[in-house]
Amino acid sequence: MFCYQCQEAAKGTGCTIQGVCGKTNHVANLQDLLIYTLKGIAVLNEKGKAAGVKSPEADFHIMHSLFMTITNANFDDAAIAKTIKEGLAVREALKASLAAKGVELGDLHDCATFSVSTDEQIEAKSTDLKAGVGVLATENEDVRSLRELVIYGLKGMAAYAHHAYNIGAEKEEIYAFISKALAATLDDSLTADELVALVMETGKYGVEAMALLDGANTGKYGNPELSEVNIGVRNNPAILISGHDLTDMEQLMEQTKGTGVDVYTHSEMLPANYYPAFKKYDNLVGNYGNSWWKQKEEFESFNGPVLFTTNCIVPPRPEHISRIYTTGAAGYPGCTHIVADENGKKDFSAIIAQAKTLAAPTEIETGSIVGGFAHAQVFALADKVVDAVKSGAIKKFFVMAGCDGRMKSREYYTEFAEKLPEGTVILTAGCAKYRYNKLPLGDIGGIPRVLDAGQCNDSYSLAVIALKLKEVFELNDINELPIAYNIAWYEQKAVIVLLALLYLGVKNIHLGPTLPAFLSPNVAKVLVETFGIAGIGKVEDDIALFMA
């Protein structure tokens, strides 16, 4: 195997024996073959769209499969192999549709023609570097870096498009771009400049995908509101729901109401507590625990079953597997996987029944945390915020969105938040907030010093807020705002957020705790020289630099 798509890439270069995330070399190679299969489908899908032959099946399969390969999403080799076979069926059906339309296919890449049917054939193909399967099949380091940067951006984009799809929101332009970009990663004629342009275009469609999801979420569940979320427990049996998908959250709440079973959010599902639609459920208790990487200990003390709606799975302790459930793109061997019916409905009766047989959660903390500062809520406070900036009460905003992780180096972000001078406000989204959202940082004239917009996809809200402030202060350039960007990253949804910010013109972003291993020296140099991308250093030095 070779994988360097996440921040924990072994030795800062790539995982070659087993993923630091916990995935085996077998799963890693199957994921590579799945991506390879998607490229073949994308080539045909792009031809089809040009000829007016649409394939919703191909669009969905590409989107869902990209999501499956995000870090910590799916460790189930059988599920991935099954998805590869399903992809080949989608591909052949698309070929038949194109032939019926009289579309000339020409010479096709192996990824659009190969065939496997047995597990042994899949295994052999998944390690076939000669055919172009796997990251290292692209020999030129810079071309490889740019191709992978596009692919990782597409994975993040697909995740957000998938959530929007589940709510009923789709955008043909996003699907078309995903196929176009995947197909482009096979094109050896593209220059480095053309690939850089494709990277920027990926950022453009990242903005589109996040805007689509934001509209879908707020249209169905209301605009997030300033909320105080309980972090204690009650003495009832309970279910812990983790991940990002609000449609799963909604279905679980509907099926648990009146059953005597409580529901707690975990990690990235915390922001569900901010939406008006979920406040009506009296069995939604609050949030349990912290960021994703602490789940082994926290699942032990929670006692009840856990539902993973998306990624951020840590390979569980064997004794916990029987009470861990997955759905959607998530999966882990031995865990019960819940599949939606043809109408998108999921039956959570098994997890509810199991919850009733298990002990109530053990309390690990008490109190509350405040959140709900997506763009609509901040706009409602706009006059107060603007006045605070004009008076000098707020001297600077720090965007500290992104991901958390288990490396000790991430303690930097807690220390950074603690040492920020008075008159500074943190704008955050994503699980990075768990590094500082429980610190007693106080407020500025009633404005909390940590404004949590929500999940990682809600980083879109932070961009909208910045653009609104630019308008209010009548500035020509978003970079003239008193906003600094000190972002933590971990996986591919953070990559698409970064590319989206670059597309919007944001410069001088500091990214940590390490720069991506998939950036070759030359590609990193382009990002530094063009956009001012930088890493992190000592807390005191970085604060001095930002405040200056």
Protein backbone atom coordinates (compact mmCIF):
# COMPACT_ATOMS: atom_id res chain seq x y z
CA MET A 1 0.00 0.00 0.00
CA PHE A 2 0.90 3.64 -0.28
CA CYS A 3 -1.36 6.30 1.19
CA TYR A 4 -0.63 9.88 2.13
CA GLN A 5 -4.06 11.48 1.92
CA CYS A 6 -4.35 12.48 5.60
CA GLN A 7 -2.30 14.53 8.05
CA GLU A 8 -1.15 11.44 9.94
CA ALA A 9 0.77 10.00 6.97
CA ALA A 10 3.56 7.87 8.51
CA LYS A 11 6.82 9.77 8.98
CA GLY A 12 5.24 12.69 7.15
CA THR A 13 5.64 10.87 3.84
CA GLY A 14 3.07 8.07 3.56
CA CYS A 15 1.76 4.84 5.08
CA THR A 16 3.24 1.72 3.46
CA ILE A 17 2.55 -1.15 5.88
CA GLN A 18 -0.67 -0.17 7.62
CA GLY A 19 -2.48 3.12 7.81
CA VAL A 20 -2.01 5.17 10.96
CA CYS A 21 -5.82 5.49 10.72
CA GLY A 22 -5.99 1.72 11.20
CA LYS A 23 -6.82 0.55 7.70
CA THR A 24 -4.96 -2.51 6.46
CA ASN A 25 -2.87 -2.61 3.33
CA HIS A 26 -5.62 -4.77 1.79
CA VAL A 27 -8.29 -2.12 2.42
CA ALA A 28 -5.95 0.61 1.16
CA ASN A 29 -5.33 -1.25 -2.10
CA LEU A 30 -9.05 -1.92 -2.56
CA GLN A 31 -9.74 1.78 -2.08
CA ASP A 32 -7.15 2.54 -4.76
CA LEU A 33 -8.88 0.13 -7.12
CA LEU A 34 -12.24 1.70 -6.32
CA ILE A 35 -10.86 5.16 -7.28
CA TYR A 36 -9.35 3.61 -10.43
CA THR A 37 -12.76 2.18 -11.32
CA LEU A 38 -14.38 5.58 -10.76
CA LYS A 39 -11.97 7.19 -13.22
CA GLY A 40 -13.17 4.78 -15.91
CA ILE A 41 -16.81 5.56 -15.13
CA ALA A 42 -15.99 9.28 -15.13
CA VAL A 43 -14.44 9.14 -18.61
CA LEU A 44 -17.64 7.58 -19.97
CA ASN A 45 -19.89 9.82 -17.89
CA GLU A 46 -18.16 12.91 -19.26
CA LYS A 47 -18.68 11.66 -22.84
CA GLY A 48 -22.31 10.93 -21.98
CA LYS A 49 -23.00 14.38 -20.57
CA ALA A 50 -21.49 15.97 -23.69
CA ALA A 51 -23.83 13.87 -25.85
CA GLY A 52 -26.91 14.45 -23.69
CA VAL A 53 -26.82 10.97 -22.15
CA LYS A 54 -27.33 11.43 -18.42
CA SER A 55 -26.72 8.68 -15.89
CA PRO A 56 -27.97 9.45 -12.37
CA GLU A 57 -26.69 6.00 -11.42
CA ALA A 58 -23.15 6.91 -12.46
CA ASP A 59 -23.33 10.30 -10.73
CA PHE A 60 -24.48 8.74 -7.46
CA HIS A 61 -22.03 5.83 -7.62
CA ILE A 62 -19.06 8.17 -8.16
CA MET A 63 -20.16 10.47 -5.34
CA HIS A 64 -20.91 7.67 -2.86
CA SER A 65 -17.72 5.75 -3.65
CA LEU A 66 -15.48 8.81 -3.30
CA PHE A 67 -17.06 9.35 0.10
CA MET A 68 -16.29 5.74 1.09
CA THR A 69 -12.58 6.32 0.57
CA ILE A 70 -12.30 9.35 2.86
CA THR A 71 -10.01 8.77 5.83
CA ASN A 72 -11.67 6.82 8.66
CA ALA A 73 -14.91 6.26 6.71
CA ASN A 74 -14.93 2.62 5.63
CA PHE A 75 -12.63 -0.19 6.79
CA ASP A 76 -14.83 -3.01 5.44
CA ASP A 77 -12.95 -4.78 2.64
CA ALA A 78 -16.00 -6.84 1.64
CA ALA A 79 -18.11 -3.70 1.29
CA ILE A 80 -15.44 -1.99 -0.84
CA ALA A 81 -15.02 -5.04 -3.09
CA LYS A 82 -18.81 -5.16 -3.54
CA THR A 83 -18.83 -1.48 -4.48
CA ILE A 84 -16.11 -2.10 -7.10
CA LYS A 85 -18.29 -4.80 -8.70
CA GLU A 86 -21.30 -2.50 -8.61
CA GLY A 87 -19.20 0.19 -10.28
CA LEU A 88 -18.28 -2.14 -13.13
CA ALA A 89 -21.97 -2.86 -13.69
CA VAL A 90 -22.72 0.88 -13.72
CA ARG A 91 -19.85 1.39 -16.17
CA GLU A 92 -21.06 -1.29 -18.59
CA ALA A 93 -24.64 0.02 -18.46
CA LEU A 94 -23.32 3.47 -19.29
CA LYS A 95 -21.38 2.06 -22.24
CA ALA A 96 -24.57 0.44 -23.52
CA SER A 97 -26.45 3.74 -23.23
CA LEU A 98 -23.71 5.56 -25.12
CA ALA A 99 -23.65 2.92 -27.85
CA ALA A 100 -27.43 3.17 -28.23
CA LYS A 101 -27.00 6.92 -28.71
CA GLY A 102 -24.28 6.36 -31.31
CA VAL A 103 -21.53 7.95 -29.22
CA GLU A 104 -18.05 7.02 -30.40
CA LEU A 105 -15.94 5.86 -27.45
CA GLY A 106 -12.55 5.64 -29.18
CA ASP A 107 -9.58 4.12 -27.41
CA LEU A 108 -10.36 3.83 -23.72
CA HIS A 109 -8.00 3.67 -20.78
CA ASP A 110 -7.72 0.32 -19.01
CA CYS A 111 -9.73 1.71 -16.10
CA ALA A 112 -12.74 1.92 -18.44
CA THR A 113 -12.32 -1.58 -19.87
CA PHE A 114 -10.89 -3.96 -17.25
CA SER A 115 -13.04 -6.70 -15.79
CA VAL A 116 -12.90 -8.55 -12.49
CA SER A 117 -15.48 -10.84 -10.96
CA THR A 118 -13.82 -12.91 -8.26
CA ASP A 119 -12.17 -11.79 -5.04
CA GLU A 120 -8.89 -13.17 -6.32
CA GLN A 121 -9.09 -11.07 -9.49
CA ILE A 122 -9.97 -7.97 -7.48
CA GLU A 123 -7.01 -8.63 -5.18
CA ALA A 124 -4.62 -8.97 -8.12
CA LYS A 125 -5.91 -5.88 -9.87
CA SER A 126 -5.78 -3.75 -6.72
CA THR A 127 -1.98 -4.05 -6.61
CA ASP A 128 -1.37 -3.66 -10.37
CA LEU A 129 0.79 -0.56 -10.60
CA LYS A 130 1.51 -1.20 -14.28
CA ALA A 131 -2.13 -0.60 -15.13
CA GLY A 132 -2.11 2.65 -13.20
CA VAL A 133 -3.81 1.49 -10.01
CA GLY A 134 -2.60 3.35 -6.95
CA VAL A 135 -1.04 6.72 -6.19
CA LEU A 136 2.53 5.79 -7.20
CA ALA A 137 1.48 4.79 -10.72
CA THR A 138 2.03 8.46 -11.66
CA GLU A 139 5.81 8.70 -11.81
CA ASN A 140 6.30 12.47 -12.05
CA GLU A 141 6.22 13.77 -8.48
CA ASP A 142 4.69 17.14 -9.30
CA VAL A 143 2.02 15.73 -11.61
CA ARG A 144 1.21 13.12 -8.98
CA SER A 145 0.95 15.80 -6.31
CA LEU A 146 -1.45 17.95 -8.33
CA ARG A 147 -3.57 14.97 -9.39
CA GLU A 148 -3.90 13.76 -5.83
CA LEU A 149 -4.69 17.28 -4.60
CA VAL A 150 -7.59 17.33 -7.08
CA ILE A 151 -8.76 13.83 -6.10
CA TYR A 152 -8.67 14.60 -2.37
CA GLY A 153 -10.60 17.79 -3.01
CA LEU A 154 -13.16 15.76 -4.96
CA LYS A 155 -13.51 13.34 -2.04
CA GLY A 156 -14.38 16.21 0.28
CA MET A 157 -16.71 17.72 -2.29
CA ALA A 158 -18.46 14.36 -2.76
CA ALA A 159 -19.04 14.10 0.98
CA TYR A 160 -20.86 17.43 1.06
CA ALA A 161 -22.78 16.67 -2.15
CA HIS A 162 -23.82 13.33 -0.64
CA HIS A 163 -25.31 15.00 2.45
CA ALA A 164 -27.18 17.45 0.21
CA TYR A 165 -28.40 14.57 -1.97
CA ASN A 166 -29.84 12.83 1.10
CA ILE A 167 -31.94 15.93 1.77
CA GLY A 168 -33.06 16.09 -1.86
CA ALA A 169 -30.73 18.83 -3.12
CA GLU A 170 -28.65 18.19 -6.22
CA LYS A 171 -26.74 20.27 -8.76
CA GLU A 172 -25.89 18.79 -12.13
CA GLU A 173 -22.90 21.12 -12.54
CA ILE A 174 -21.22 19.57 -9.48
CA TYR A 175 -21.67 16.03 -10.77
CA ALA A 176 -20.40 17.07 -14.20
CA PHE A 177 -17.29 18.67 -12.71
CA ILE A 178 -16.48 15.63 -10.56
CA SER A 179 -16.51 13.41 -13.67
CA LYS A 180 -14.53 15.95 -15.69
CA ALA A 181 -11.87 16.32 -12.98
CA LEU A 182 -11.53 12.58 -12.37
CA ALA A 183 -11.13 11.98 -16.09
CA ALA A 184 -8.53 14.76 -16.25
CA THR A 185 -6.31 12.93 -13.77
CA LEU A 186 -5.74 10.35 -16.54
CA ASP A 187 -4.67 12.95 -19.11
CA ASP A 188 -0.90 12.88 -19.50
CA SER A 189 -1.00 15.83 -21.90
CA LEU A 190 -2.01 18.33 -19.20
CA THR A 191 0.74 20.73 -18.15
CA ALA A 192 1.49 21.67 -14.56
CA ASP A 193 -0.20 25.05 -15.14
CA GLU A 194 -3.31 23.33 -16.46
CA LEU A 195 -3.40 21.05 -13.44
CA VAL A 196 -3.02 24.05 -11.12
CA ALA A 197 -6.00 25.61 -12.91
CA LEU A 198 -7.93 22.37 -12.32
CA VAL A 199 -7.05 22.58 -8.62
CA MET A 200 -8.51 26.09 -8.48
CA GLU A 201 -11.61 24.95 -10.36
CA THR A 202 -11.99 22.22 -7.75
CA GLY A 203 -12.08 24.98 -5.14
CA LYS A 204 -14.77 26.78 -7.13
CA TYR A 205 -17.02 23.72 -7.13
CA GLY A 206 -16.17 23.12 -3.49
CA VAL A 207 -17.83 26.46 -2.76
CA GLU A 208 -20.81 25.36 -4.87
CA ALA A 209 -21.13 22.07 -2.98
CA MET A 210 -20.92 23.72 0.44
CA ALA A 211 -23.45 26.36 -0.57
CA LEU A 212 -25.78 23.61 -1.83
CA LEU A 213 -25.52 21.74 1.45
CA ASP A 214 -25.93 24.88 3.53
CA GLY A 215 -29.14 25.70 1.66
CA ALA A 216 -30.39 22.13 2.01
CA ASN A 217 -29.67 21.95 5.76
CA THR A 218 -31.12 25.34 6.63
CA GLY A 219 -34.05 24.90 4.25
CA LYS A 220 -35.12 21.71 5.99
CA TYR A 221 -33.95 22.18 9.58
CA GLY A 222 -33.89 25.98 9.96
CA ASN A 223 -30.96 28.32 10.52
CA PRO A 224 -28.70 27.30 13.42
CA GLU A 225 -29.40 29.38 16.51
CA LEU A 226 -27.31 30.53 19.45
CA SER A 227 -27.57 27.45 21.68
CA GLU A 228 -26.32 26.23 25.02
CA VAL A 229 -25.67 22.51 24.71
CA ASN A 230 -25.69 20.23 27.74
CA ILE A 231 -22.63 18.00 28.16
CA GLY A 232 -23.92 16.09 31.18
CA VAL A 233 -26.12 12.97 31.16
CA ARG A 234 -29.50 11.66 32.32
CA ASN A 235 -30.30 8.30 33.83
CA ASN A 236 -31.96 6.74 30.77
CA PRO A 237 -30.74 4.20 28.22
CA ALA A 238 -29.29 6.06 25.27
CA ILE A 239 -27.87 6.05 21.75
CA LEU A 240 -24.80 8.03 20.68
CA ILE A 241 -24.89 9.35 17.11
CA SER A 242 -21.66 10.39 15.43
CA GLY A 243 -20.71 11.76 12.03
CA HIS A 244 -22.26 14.47 9.90
CA ASP A 245 -25.49 13.37 8.20
CA LEU A 246 -28.51 15.29 9.49
CA THR A 247 -31.03 13.10 7.66
CA ASP A 248 -29.82 10.14 9.72
CA MET A 249 -30.11 12.30 12.82
CA GLU A 250 -33.67 13.22 11.91
CA GLN A 251 -34.73 9.63 11.29
CA LEU A 252 -33.16 8.45 14.53
CA MET A 253 -34.92 11.19 16.52
CA GLU A 254 -38.27 10.35 14.95
CA GLN A 255 -37.87 6.66 15.71
CA THR A 256 -36.70 7.16 19.32
CA LYS A 257 -39.27 9.71 20.46
CA GLY A 258 -41.57 8.25 23.07
CA THR A 259 -39.45 5.10 23.48
CA GLY A 260 -37.71 6.11 26.71
CA VAL A 261 -34.37 6.07 24.87
CA ASP A 262 -32.29 9.26 24.94
CA VAL A 263 -30.04 10.45 22.12
CA TYR A 264 -26.68 12.22 22.49
CA THR A 265 -24.62 13.72 19.72
CA HIS A 266 -20.92 12.94 19.41
CA SER A 267 -18.02 14.82 17.79
CA GLU A 268 -19.10 16.33 14.44
CA MET A 269 -22.79 15.73 15.14
CA LEU A 270 -22.67 18.30 17.98
CA PRO A 271 -24.04 21.10 15.71
CA ALA A 272 -27.31 19.21 15.26
CA ASN A 273 -28.17 20.70 18.66
CA TYR A 274 -28.12 24.17 17.07
CA TYR A 275 -30.90 23.53 14.53
CA PRO A 276 -34.49 24.52 15.44
CA ALA A 277 -35.89 21.30 13.95
CA PHE A 278 -34.04 19.16 16.49
CA LYS A 279 -34.84 21.27 19.53
CA LYS A 280 -38.40 19.89 19.58
CA TYR A 281 -37.22 16.42 20.66
CA ASP A 282 -37.21 16.16 24.44
CA ASN A 283 -35.06 13.02 24.28
CA LEU A 284 -32.18 14.87 22.60
CA VAL A 285 -30.10 15.37 25.74
CA GLY A 286 -27.02 17.14 24.37
CA ASN A 287 -23.47 16.19 23.42
CA TYR A 288 -21.37 13.40 24.92
CA GLY A 289 -17.61 13.43 24.80
CA ASN A 290 -15.11 15.18 22.63
CA SER A 291 -13.40 14.83 19.30
CA TRP A 292 -13.42 11.62 17.25
CA TRP A 293 -10.02 10.34 18.33
CA LYS A 294 -11.10 9.86 21.95
CA GLN A 295 -13.94 7.55 21.04
CA LYS A 296 -12.48 4.28 22.34
CA GLU A 297 -12.51 5.49 25.95
CA GLU A 298 -15.72 7.47 25.57
CA PHE A 299 -17.63 4.61 23.96
CA GLU A 300 -16.60 2.51 26.97
CA SER A 301 -18.17 4.98 29.40
CA PHE A 302 -21.18 5.73 27.24
CA ASN A 303 -22.38 2.12 27.69
CA GLY A 304 -25.03 2.28 24.96
CA PRO A 305 -24.95 1.65 21.21
CA VAL A 306 -23.26 4.04 18.77
CA LEU A 307 -24.41 4.98 15.27
CA PHE A 308 -21.80 6.16 12.75
CA THR A 309 -23.41 8.13 9.96
CA THR A 310 -20.17 9.05 8.17
CA ASN A 311 -16.43 8.98 8.69
CA CYS A 312 -14.25 9.48 11.77
CA ILE A 313 -14.32 5.84 12.86
CA VAL A 314 -11.42 4.64 14.97
CA PRO A 315 -11.03 0.83 14.78
CA PRO A 316 -13.02 -0.18 17.87
CA ARG A 317 -12.13 -2.45 20.72
CA PRO A 318 -13.44 -5.97 20.01
CA GLU A 319 -15.82 -5.81 22.96
CA HIS A 320 -17.50 -2.70 21.48
CA ILE A 321 -18.17 -4.03 17.97
CA SER A 322 -21.52 -5.59 18.90
CA ARG A 323 -22.91 -2.18 19.82
CA ILE A 324 -21.49 -0.14 16.94
CA TYR A 325 -23.68 0.44 13.89
CA THR A 326 -22.76 2.07 10.59
CA THR A 327 -24.80 3.50 7.75
CA GLY A 328 -24.28 5.35 4.46
CA ALA A 329 -20.67 5.42 3.27
CA ALA A 330 -19.32 4.29 6.68
CA GLY A 331 -18.41 0.71 7.47
CA TYR A 332 -16.34 -1.51 9.71
CA PRO A 333 -15.99 -5.33 9.62
CA GLY A 334 -18.29 -7.03 12.14
CA CYS A 335 -20.41 -3.94 12.83
CA THR A 336 -24.06 -3.96 11.80
CA HIS A 337 -24.60 -1.85 8.68
CA ILE A 338 -28.01 -0.23 8.25
CA VAL A 339 -29.10 0.28 4.64
CA ALA A 340 -31.76 2.69 3.41
CA ASP A 341 -34.74 1.41 1.45
CA GLU A 342 -35.63 2.70 -2.01
CA ASN A 343 -37.21 5.78 -0.41
CA GLY A 344 -34.18 6.64 1.71
CA LYS A 345 -35.77 5.38 4.92
CA LYS A 346 -33.67 3.54 7.50
CA ASP A 347 -34.86 1.16 10.17
CA PHE A 348 -33.12 1.89 13.46
CA SER A 349 -35.28 -0.48 15.51
CA ALA A 350 -32.37 -2.85 16.23
CA ILE A 351 -30.20 -0.13 17.73
CA ILE A 352 -33.15 1.19 19.77
CA ALA A 353 -33.94 -2.29 21.08
CA GLN A 354 -30.31 -2.86 22.07
CA ALA A 355 -30.15 0.52 23.83
CA LYS A 356 -33.00 -0.55 26.12
CA THR A 357 -30.95 -3.50 27.35
CA LEU A 358 -27.85 -1.48 28.24
CA ALA A 359 -26.93 0.85 31.08
CA ALA A 360 -27.35 4.61 30.94
CA PRO A 361 -24.25 6.67 30.05
CA THR A 362 -21.64 7.28 32.73
CA GLU A 363 -21.16 10.99 33.27
CA ILE A 364 -17.70 12.20 32.26
CA GLU A 365 -18.27 15.97 32.52
CA THR A 366 -20.95 18.50 33.39
CA GLY A 367 -21.98 21.93 32.23
CA SER A 368 -22.62 23.23 28.74
CA ILE A 369 -20.97 24.62 25.63
CA VAL A 370 -22.24 27.40 23.38
CA GLY A 371 -22.55 27.26 19.60
CA GLY A 372 -24.81 27.98 16.67
CA PHE A 373 -22.94 30.89 15.08
CA ALA A 374 -23.56 30.08 11.42
CA HIS A 375 -23.93 33.02 9.06
CA ALA A 376 -27.61 33.79 9.79
CA GLN A 377 -26.99 34.01 13.54
CA VAL A 378 -23.90 36.17 13.11
CA PHE A 379 -25.80 38.45 10.72
CA ALA A 380 -28.45 38.82 13.43
CA LEU A 381 -25.66 40.14 15.66
CA ALA A 382 -24.06 42.14 12.85
CA ASP A 383 -24.60 45.59 14.37
CA LYS A 384 -23.04 44.51 17.65
CA VAL A 385 -20.09 42.88 15.86
CA VAL A 386 -19.48 45.86 13.59
CA ASP A 387 -19.65 48.29 16.49
CA ALA A 388 -17.18 46.16 18.46
CA VAL A 389 -14.75 46.23 15.53
CA LYS A 390 -15.14 49.97 14.97
CA SER A 391 -14.65 50.73 18.68
CA GLY A 392 -11.56 48.54 18.85
CA ALA A 393 -13.16 46.13 21.34
CA ILE A 394 -12.59 43.41 18.72
CA LYS A 395 -9.14 43.82 17.25
CA LYS A 396 -8.93 40.62 15.26
CA PHE A 397 -10.84 37.50 14.25
CA PHE A 398 -9.02 34.18 14.06
CA VAL A 399 -10.47 31.51 11.78
CA MET A 400 -9.45 28.27 13.51
CA ALA A 401 -11.69 25.89 11.59
CA GLY A 402 -10.77 22.39 10.51
CA CYS A 403 -10.02 19.03 12.02
CA ASP A 404 -8.77 17.60 15.27
CA GLY A 405 -6.45 14.63 15.61
CA ARG A 406 -4.58 12.59 18.17
CA MET A 407 -1.04 13.90 17.63
CA LYS A 408 0.46 15.70 20.62
CA SER A 409 1.44 18.55 18.31
CA ARG A 410 -2.25 19.53 18.16
CA GLU A 411 -1.98 20.82 21.70
CA TYR A 412 -0.62 23.87 19.87
CA TYR A 413 -4.21 24.92 19.08
CA THR A 414 -5.32 24.81 22.71
CA GLU A 415 -2.31 26.83 23.76
CA PHE A 416 -2.85 29.25 20.88
CA ALA A 417 -6.45 29.87 21.96
CA GLU A 418 -5.44 30.31 25.59
CA LYS A 419 -2.72 32.83 24.76
CA LEU A 420 -4.64 34.97 22.29
CA PRO A 421 -4.74 38.54 23.60
CA GLU A 422 -7.94 40.19 24.74
CA GLY A 423 -9.95 41.71 21.94
CA THR A 424 -9.68 38.62 19.73
CA VAL A 425 -12.47 36.29 18.64
CA ILE A 426 -12.17 32.74 17.33
CA LEU A 427 -14.36 31.72 14.36
CA THR A 428 -14.49 27.95 14.15
CA ALA A 429 -16.17 25.01 12.43
CA GLY A 430 -15.31 21.33 12.38
CA CYS A 431 -13.97 19.14 15.16
CA ALA A 432 -10.91 21.38 15.62
CA LYS A 433 -13.12 23.31 18.06
CA TYR A 434 -12.80 20.56 20.67
CA ARG A 435 -9.28 21.84 21.33
CA TYR A 436 -10.70 25.06 22.84
CA ASN A 437 -14.52 25.15 22.93
CA LYS A 438 -14.61 24.25 26.63
CA LEU A 439 -12.03 26.83 27.70
CA PRO A 440 -13.28 29.77 29.85
CA LEU A 441 -12.36 32.43 27.28
CA GLY A 442 -15.25 34.74 28.15
CA ASP A 443 -16.88 37.24 25.83
CA ILE A 444 -16.48 40.73 24.39
CA GLY A 445 -19.51 42.87 25.11
CA GLY A 446 -21.74 39.81 25.10
CA ILE A 447 -20.12 38.29 22.00
CA PRO A 448 -18.55 34.92 22.94
CA ARG A 449 -14.85 34.72 22.11
CA VAL A 450 -15.44 31.34 20.43
CA LEU A 451 -18.07 31.48 17.69
CA ASP A 452 -18.80 27.94 16.54
CA ALA A 453 -20.47 27.81 13.11
CA GLY A 454 -20.91 24.03 13.15
CA GLN A 455 -19.52 21.08 11.21
CA CYS A 456 -16.55 21.14 8.83
CA ASN A 457 -18.88 21.83 5.89
CA ASP A 458 -20.10 24.90 7.81
CA SER A 459 -16.73 26.48 7.12
CA TYR A 460 -18.81 27.88 4.25
CA SER A 461 -20.54 30.03 6.88
CA LEU A 462 -17.20 31.49 7.90
CA ALA A 463 -16.50 32.43 4.28
CA VAL A 464 -19.96 34.02 3.97
CA ILE A 465 -19.36 35.98 7.18
CA ALA A 466 -16.00 37.22 5.88
CA LEU A 467 -17.53 38.30 2.57
CA LYS A 468 -20.32 40.11 4.43
CA LEU A 469 -17.81 41.97 6.62
CA LYS A 470 -15.90 42.93 3.48
CA GLU A 471 -19.12 44.44 2.13
CA VAL A 472 -20.02 46.19 5.39
CA PHE A 473 -16.59 47.80 5.72
CA GLU A 474 -16.56 48.64 1.99
CA LEU A 475 -13.24 46.93 1.35
CA ASN A 476 -11.89 45.94 -2.05
CA ASP A 477 -10.09 42.81 -0.90
CA ILE A 478 -11.17 40.14 1.58
CA ASN A 479 -7.57 40.08 2.83
CA GLU A 480 -7.92 43.64 4.14
CA LEU A 481 -10.23 42.39 6.89
CA PRO A 482 -8.89 41.98 10.45
CA ILE A 483 -9.10 38.19 10.00
CA ALA A 484 -6.24 35.71 10.34
CA TYR A 485 -6.46 32.06 9.26
CA ASN A 486 -4.81 29.42 11.44
CA ILE A 487 -6.41 26.19 10.30
CA ALA A 488 -5.87 22.61 11.45
CA TRP A 489 -6.37 19.88 8.87
CA TYR A 490 -6.66 16.12 8.96
CA GLU A 491 -8.55 14.65 6.01
CA GLN A 492 -10.05 15.37 2.61
CA LYS A 493 -13.00 17.52 3.67
CA ALA A 494 -10.43 19.95 5.07
CA VAL A 495 -8.69 19.84 1.67
CA ILE A 496 -11.81 21.01 -0.18
CA VAL A 497 -12.38 23.74 2.42
CA LEU A 498 -8.80 24.94 1.86
CA LEU A 499 -9.23 24.91 -1.94
CA ALA A 500 -12.55 26.76 -1.56
CA LEU A 501 -10.87 29.49 0.50
CA LEU A 502 -8.09 29.82 -2.06
CA TYR A 503 -10.66 30.12 -4.83
CA LEU A 504 -12.39 32.90 -2.87
CA GLY A 505 -9.09 34.78 -2.79
CA VAL A 506 -8.11 34.24 0.83
CA LYS A 507 -4.34 34.46 1.30
CA ASN A 508 -1.78 33.88 4.04
CA ILE A 509 -3.50 30.82 5.49
CA HIS A 510 -1.42 28.98 8.08
CA LEU A 511 -1.99 25.23 7.94
CA GLY A 512 -0.96 22.69 10.53
CA PRO A 513 0.14 20.88 12.50
CA THR A 514 2.10 19.74 9.40
CA LEU A 515 1.78 20.57 5.72
CA PRO A 516 0.27 17.79 3.56
CA ALA A 517 2.63 14.99 2.60
CA PHE A 518 1.05 14.90 -0.86
CA LEU A 519 2.41 18.35 -1.71
CA SER A 520 5.64 17.93 -3.64
CA PRO A 521 8.29 20.60 -2.96
CA ASN A 522 7.49 22.35 -6.25
CA VAL A 523 3.72 22.31 -5.69
CA ALA A 524 4.19 23.53 -2.12
CA LYS A 525 6.37 26.34 -3.49
CA VAL A 526 3.57 27.42 -5.85
CA LEU A 527 1.09 27.54 -2.97
CA VAL A 528 3.52 29.53 -0.81
CA GLU A 529 4.43 32.04 -3.52
CA THR A 530 0.92 32.45 -4.96
CA PHE A 531 -1.26 32.26 -1.87
CA GLY A 532 1.07 32.77 1.08
CA ILE A 533 0.36 29.31 2.51
CA ALA A 534 2.52 28.69 5.57
CA GLY A 535 2.89 26.18 8.38
CA ILE A 536 2.81 26.81 12.11
CA GLY A 537 5.65 27.57 14.52
CA LYS A 538 5.83 28.47 18.18
CA VAL A 539 2.58 29.80 19.61
CA GLU A 540 4.01 33.09 20.85
CA ASP A 541 5.80 33.77 17.55
CA ASP A 542 2.70 32.97 15.50
CA ILE A 543 0.45 35.19 17.62
CA ALA A 544 2.93 38.06 17.31
CA LEU A 545 3.02 37.56 13.52
CA PHE A 546 -0.77 37.47 13.21
CA MET A 547 -1.37 40.45 15.48
CA ALA A 548 1.21 42.52 13.60
